[in-house]
Amino acid sequence: MATKERRKEIRVGLAIPLRVQGFLADGGTWEEITTTVDVSQGGVCFPLIHRADLGQVRLQRAGFTGEDE
């Protein structure tokens, strides 16, 4: 039996390269290149190597290819 989707918006699998910047509690920063897993009107899902809590990460640039430097 299929379960009913409980999210308000439909998530769509989409791989978009991202440059992400994170903020540490001590005021330091880190930067990481990753790729989206899925997107919706209300948000985006992407994996990170760094641990990040809500409010400690911001999207620096979408569509980053590495050739943009």
C-alpha atoms as a PDB file:
ATOM      1  CA  MET A   1       0.000   0.000   0.000  1.00  0.00           C
ATOM      2  CA  ALA A   2       1.415   3.387  -1.023  1.00  0.00           C
ATOM      3  CA  THR A   3       1.705   6.072   1.624  1.00  0.00           C
ATOM      4  CA  LYS A   4       0.149   9.477   1.040  1.00  0.00           C
ATOM      5  CA  GLU A   5       2.557  12.395   0.488  1.00  0.00           C
ATOM      6  CA  ARG A   6       2.434  14.692   3.537  1.00  0.00           C
ATOM      7  CA  ARG A   7       4.524  17.572   2.194  1.00  0.00           C
ATOM      8  CA  LYS A   8       2.816  20.789   1.095  1.00  0.00           C
ATOM      9  CA  GLU A   9       4.868  21.041  -2.099  1.00  0.00           C
ATOM     10  CA  ILE A  10       5.912  18.296  -4.494  1.00  0.00           C
ATOM     11  CA  ARG A  11       9.641  17.537  -4.528  1.00  0.00           C
ATOM     12  CA  VAL A  12      11.320  17.040  -7.889  1.00  0.00           C
ATOM     13  CA  GLY A  13      14.600  15.175  -8.306  1.00  0.00           C
ATOM     14  CA  LEU A  14      17.015  17.676  -9.844  1.00  0.00           C
ATOM     15  CA  ALA A  15      20.824  17.812  -9.732  1.00  0.00           C
ATOM     16  CA  ILE A  16      22.108  21.416  -9.710  1.00  0.00           C
ATOM     17  CA  PRO A  17      25.706  22.183  -8.682  1.00  0.00           C
ATOM     18  CA  LEU A  18      25.936  24.492  -5.652  1.00  0.00           C
ATOM     19  CA  ARG A  19      28.584  26.488  -3.834  1.00  0.00           C
ATOM     20  CA  VAL A  20      27.548  26.638  -0.174  1.00  0.00           C
ATOM     21  CA  GLN A  21      29.020  28.714   2.653  1.00  0.00           C
ATOM     22  CA  GLY A  22      28.581  27.769   6.296  1.00  0.00           C
ATOM     23  CA  PHE A  23      29.136  29.662   9.517  1.00  0.00           C
ATOM     24  CA  LEU A  24      30.745  28.196  12.646  1.00  0.00           C
ATOM     25  CA  ALA A  25      29.804  29.079  16.229  1.00  0.00           C
ATOM     26  CA  ASP A  26      33.239  30.710  16.733  1.00  0.00           C
ATOM     27  CA  GLY A  27      32.663  33.086  13.795  1.00  0.00           C
ATOM     28  CA  GLY A  28      34.687  31.091  11.257  1.00  0.00           C
ATOM     29  CA  THR A  29      33.346  29.987   7.898  1.00  0.00           C
ATOM     30  CA  TRP A  30      33.658  27.044   5.551  1.00  0.00           C
ATOM     31  CA  GLU A  31      32.815  26.550   1.884  1.00  0.00           C
ATOM     32  CA  GLU A  32      31.784  23.416   0.058  1.00  0.00           C
ATOM     33  CA  ILE A  33      30.769  22.385  -3.459  1.00  0.00           C
ATOM     34  CA  THR A  34      27.799  19.979  -3.618  1.00  0.00           C
ATOM     35  CA  THR A  35      24.813  19.082  -5.807  1.00  0.00           C
ATOM     36  CA  THR A  36      21.084  19.199  -5.094  1.00  0.00           C
ATOM     37  CA  VAL A  37      19.161  15.961  -4.597  1.00  0.00           C
ATOM     38  CA  ASP A  38      15.697  17.429  -5.031  1.00  0.00           C
ATOM     39  CA  VAL A  39      13.924  20.785  -5.050  1.00  0.00           C
ATOM     40  CA  SER A  40      10.458  22.132  -4.291  1.00  0.00           C
ATOM     41  CA  GLN A  41       8.811  25.523  -4.268  1.00  0.00           C
ATOM     42  CA  GLY A  42       9.606  25.783  -0.554  1.00  0.00           C
ATOM     43  CA  GLY A  43      13.168  24.483  -0.406  1.00  0.00           C
ATOM     44  CA  VAL A  44      16.017  22.348  -1.584  1.00  0.00           C
ATOM     45  CA  CYS A  45      17.734  19.187  -0.347  1.00  0.00           C
ATOM     46  CA  PHE A  46      21.490  18.770  -0.711  1.00  0.00           C
ATOM     47  CA  PRO A  47      24.154  16.745   1.115  1.00  0.00           C
ATOM     48  CA  LEU A  48      27.013  18.358   3.029  1.00  0.00           C
ATOM     49  CA  ILE A  49      30.241  16.993   4.445  1.00  0.00           C
ATOM     50  CA  HIS A  50      30.281  19.696   7.134  1.00  0.00           C
ATOM     51  CA  ARG A  51      27.831  19.513  10.031  1.00  0.00           C
ATOM     52  CA  ALA A  52      25.366  22.371   9.839  1.00  0.00           C
ATOM     53  CA  ASP A  53      22.433  23.426  11.988  1.00  0.00           C
ATOM     54  CA  LEU A  54      19.467  25.519  10.869  1.00  0.00           C
ATOM     55  CA  GLY A  55      20.639  29.072  10.132  1.00  0.00           C
ATOM     56  CA  GLN A  56      24.329  28.163   9.761  1.00  0.00           C
ATOM     57  CA  VAL A  57      24.338  27.654   5.987  1.00  0.00           C
ATOM     58  CA  ARG A  58      23.566  29.914   3.091  1.00  0.00           C
ATOM     59  CA  LEU A  59      23.530  29.188  -0.595  1.00  0.00           C
ATOM     60  CA  GLN A  60      26.399  31.079  -2.158  1.00  0.00           C
ATOM     61  CA  ARG A  61      25.774  30.256  -5.795  1.00  0.00           C
ATOM     62  CA  ALA A  62      23.587  27.869  -7.799  1.00  0.00           C
ATOM     63  CA  GLY A  63      24.655  26.472 -11.131  1.00  0.00           C
ATOM     64  CA  PHE A  64      28.339  26.588 -10.136  1.00  0.00           C
ATOM     65  CA  THR A  65      30.446  24.561 -12.588  1.00  0.00           C
ATOM     66  CA  GLY A  66      33.939  25.121 -11.198  1.00  0.00           C
ATOM     67  CA  GLU A  67      34.849  26.989 -14.376  1.00  0.00           C
ATOM     68  CA  ASP A  68      33.306  30.200 -13.066  1.00  0.00           C
ATOM     69  CA  GLU A  69      36.262  31.160 -10.873  1.00  0.00           C
END
